[in-house]
């Protein structure tokens, strides 16, 4: 059983900060987590990649969040974080965690999604 669980969303004022966390876990098998990332989807818009991080800590940030958001991970905890500073109203969206997980028993590797967490930024 693979689980990807986000936390940390909520309401913030423009200029404020929020920190999202995402934990990947697998029951019944050893596993490894490769690339992890954060996507977001605003009402009426397509889901877009916000930030990504490899198992070797190479990072990617969308131009719209560079200088404001930071992605990091704790491999020992299979957790990825998204620190969001200087929030803007246009950052309002449901944020989804994506994790590339290799489940050793059965040798299965694929991407998994979390259930999403709402981030709302008010002006």
Protein backbone atom coordinates (compact mmCIF):
# COMPACT_ATOMS: atom_id res chain seq x y z
CA UNK A 1 0.00 0.00 0.00
CA UNK A 2 1.56 3.24 -1.20
CA UNK A 3 0.58 6.52 0.38
CA UNK A 4 1.53 10.08 -0.51
CA UNK A 5 0.13 12.52 2.01
CA UNK A 6 0.35 16.31 1.92
CA UNK A 7 -0.12 18.71 4.81
CA UNK A 8 0.35 22.37 5.59
CA UNK A 9 -2.07 24.13 3.29
CA UNK A 10 -4.41 26.82 4.48
CA UNK A 11 -5.17 30.49 4.30
CA UNK A 12 -2.52 33.20 4.14
CA UNK A 13 -2.46 36.88 3.37
CA UNK A 14 -0.59 38.23 0.39
CA UNK A 15 3.04 38.63 1.37
CA UNK A 16 2.78 35.86 3.93
CA UNK A 17 4.25 32.39 4.10
CA UNK A 18 3.15 28.78 4.21
CA UNK A 19 5.07 25.53 4.33
CA UNK A 20 3.79 22.38 2.68
CA UNK A 21 4.99 18.90 3.57
CA UNK A 22 4.53 15.61 1.76
CA UNK A 23 5.37 12.16 3.10
CA UNK A 24 5.67 9.05 0.96
CA UNK A 25 5.25 5.66 2.58
CA UNK A 26 4.85 2.04 1.55
CA UNK A 27 3.57 -0.75 3.76
CA UNK A 28 4.74 -4.32 3.30
CA UNK A 29 7.82 -3.68 1.19
CA UNK A 30 11.09 -1.80 1.24
CA UNK A 31 11.03 1.08 -1.18
CA UNK A 32 12.91 4.11 -2.45
CA UNK A 33 11.65 7.51 -3.48
CA UNK A 34 13.23 9.10 -6.51
CA UNK A 35 12.07 12.44 -7.92
CA UNK A 36 9.49 14.34 -5.91
CA UNK A 37 7.59 17.42 -6.92
CA UNK A 38 4.83 19.88 -6.24
CA UNK A 39 2.14 20.71 -8.75
CA UNK A 40 -0.77 23.09 -8.44
CA UNK A 41 -4.11 23.51 -10.07
CA UNK A 42 -6.16 26.67 -9.88
CA UNK A 43 -9.87 26.69 -10.77
CA UNK A 44 -10.35 26.53 -14.51
CA UNK A 45 -6.66 26.00 -15.18
CA UNK A 46 -4.47 23.02 -15.99
CA UNK A 47 -2.29 21.40 -13.40
CA UNK A 48 1.21 22.86 -13.56
CA UNK A 49 4.59 21.91 -12.15
CA UNK A 50 5.70 24.33 -9.46
CA UNK A 51 8.86 22.71 -8.13
CA UNK A 52 10.74 19.44 -8.33
CA UNK A 53 13.66 17.81 -6.57
CA UNK A 54 15.65 14.71 -7.41
CA UNK A 55 16.96 12.17 -4.93
CA UNK A 56 20.32 13.87 -5.38
CA UNK A 57 18.83 17.25 -4.45
CA UNK A 58 18.83 18.78 -7.91
CA UNK A 59 15.98 21.26 -7.92
CA UNK A 60 13.66 22.90 -10.40
CA UNK A 61 11.45 25.92 -9.79
CA UNK A 62 8.91 27.37 -12.17
CA UNK A 63 9.69 30.93 -13.23
CA UNK A 64 6.54 32.16 -11.51
CA UNK A 65 7.82 31.09 -8.08
CA UNK A 66 11.57 31.61 -8.36
CA UNK A 67 12.89 33.78 -5.57
CA UNK A 68 9.79 33.11 -3.46
CA UNK A 69 9.45 29.32 -3.10
CA UNK A 70 12.03 26.79 -1.99
CA UNK A 71 11.83 23.02 -2.36
CA UNK A 72 13.79 20.66 -0.14
CA UNK A 73 13.62 17.06 1.02
CA UNK A 74 14.61 14.79 3.86
CA UNK A 75 15.47 11.43 2.32
CA UNK A 76 15.56 9.68 5.69
CA UNK A 77 11.93 10.66 6.21
CA UNK A 78 10.85 10.31 2.56
CA UNK A 79 9.50 13.82 2.88
CA UNK A 80 9.51 16.81 0.56
CA UNK A 81 8.82 20.37 1.63
CA UNK A 82 7.71 23.47 -0.19
CA UNK A 83 8.46 26.71 1.62
CA UNK A 84 6.32 29.44 0.12
CA UNK A 85 7.21 33.04 0.93
CA UNK A 86 5.96 36.35 -0.42
CA UNK A 87 2.72 34.67 -1.38
CA UNK A 88 0.57 36.24 -4.06
CA UNK A 89 -3.15 35.95 -4.70
CA UNK A 90 -2.32 34.10 -7.91
CA UNK A 91 -0.65 31.34 -5.88
CA UNK A 92 -4.12 30.25 -4.78
CA UNK A 93 -4.63 26.67 -5.92
CA UNK A 94 -4.81 23.07 -4.81
CA UNK A 95 -1.25 21.86 -4.40
CA UNK A 96 -0.47 18.24 -5.20
CA UNK A 97 2.57 16.22 -4.28
CA UNK A 98 3.99 13.80 -6.82
CA UNK A 99 6.48 11.07 -5.97
CA UNK A 100 8.32 8.57 -8.15
CA UNK A 101 8.41 5.46 -5.96
CA UNK A 102 10.12 2.14 -6.51
CA UNK A 103 8.50 -0.64 -4.52
CA UNK A 104 11.04 -3.42 -4.28
CA UNK A 105 8.67 -6.36 -3.73
CA UNK A 106 7.19 -6.91 -7.15
CA UNK A 107 9.74 -4.47 -8.63
CA UNK A 108 7.20 -1.80 -9.39
CA UNK A 109 8.16 1.78 -10.12
CA UNK A 110 5.69 4.54 -10.95
CA UNK A 111 4.51 7.99 -9.99
CA UNK A 112 2.00 8.50 -7.23
CA UNK A 113 -0.11 11.54 -6.36
CA UNK A 114 -1.27 12.90 -3.05
CA UNK A 115 -4.84 13.97 -2.45
CA UNK A 116 -4.02 17.67 -2.65
CA UNK A 117 -4.02 20.50 -0.14
CA UNK A 118 -5.73 23.85 -0.62
CA UNK A 119 -3.69 27.03 -0.48
CA UNK A 120 -5.67 30.26 -0.47
CA UNK A 121 -3.99 33.65 -0.53
CA UNK A 122 -6.09 36.69 0.25
CA UNK A 123 -5.29 40.27 -0.75
